[in-house]
């Protein structure tokens, strides 16, 4: 192939199409547990996470609910993936080897959101959320009916593979995916670009700016206990009994069970089997959807 501007334009278009095809094949499992929040700055404060608004009887003047402020900020991170194409491969039409690379490039960038979201969910036992506690913890501070501080758990501990029961029906899901710029295909393939002139290498890449943080801890239960009927029942009861400040029921509906591949069999027995281990009717059949996530492995 003659290396000139016209042929390089055509080559770039072909690589971009292959990249887009790979992007279309990428997983988008993150949407099950994360809310996408657009951003226009490098960081955003989420102080309003301190309180879930509560409807009250209208007696006298309106009571403006000034949300508890927390210094919880999600700061964006830059991400990139770049592939170098040797000039010799272009001149000798040895380009077939790059088709799967650009497809994988698209799939890899597309799956980065899954990687970020489920990586944070998995680390929720050791990373803090807006109230200064680990996201999955035994002592989140909440005000009881009398306005006194009490503590509430959204985990029962354990030391095994983590699994999660989630209410994914709320406007704000357990994980926040803050995105200022999605992955975009870019190229440095001009004949006078330094990488071409000095190294005989054409560069094609994609870059984005995004990061993840925690939403309301009340919407998720994380456990490292054995995934069985008894512990599943504990998680359901705890979430459905979850209350906000002043004893207000939150109406949590735990409808999504998220597990790593190693717990798929145990999860299917709980959610799909007609009968429990003792031969009795399985009372938990169909009580949640199952999501098996490779990024939790």
Foldseek 3Di string as FASTA:
>chain_A
DDDDDVVVVVVLVVLVVLLVLLLVVADDVLLQFEDEDEDADQKDFDQQLQADDDDDDDDPDDDDDDGGGFRFMDGKDKDKDKDKDALVCVVVVVCPVCSVVSSVQNRVLNCVSVLQRVVCVLCQCPDDARQRHRLADAFRWAAELVGDTGGHGQEDEADAQKKKFFQSPDPGGFKYKYFHFGWDKDWDADCPRPCCVPPNIIMIMIMTMIHMGGHHSLGMHMYRDDLAPVVVVVNQVRSQCDAHHSRHGPRHQRAEMEGEPVCPVRVCCQAPDQAHPVRHGRPRHPSHDYHHRNSSD
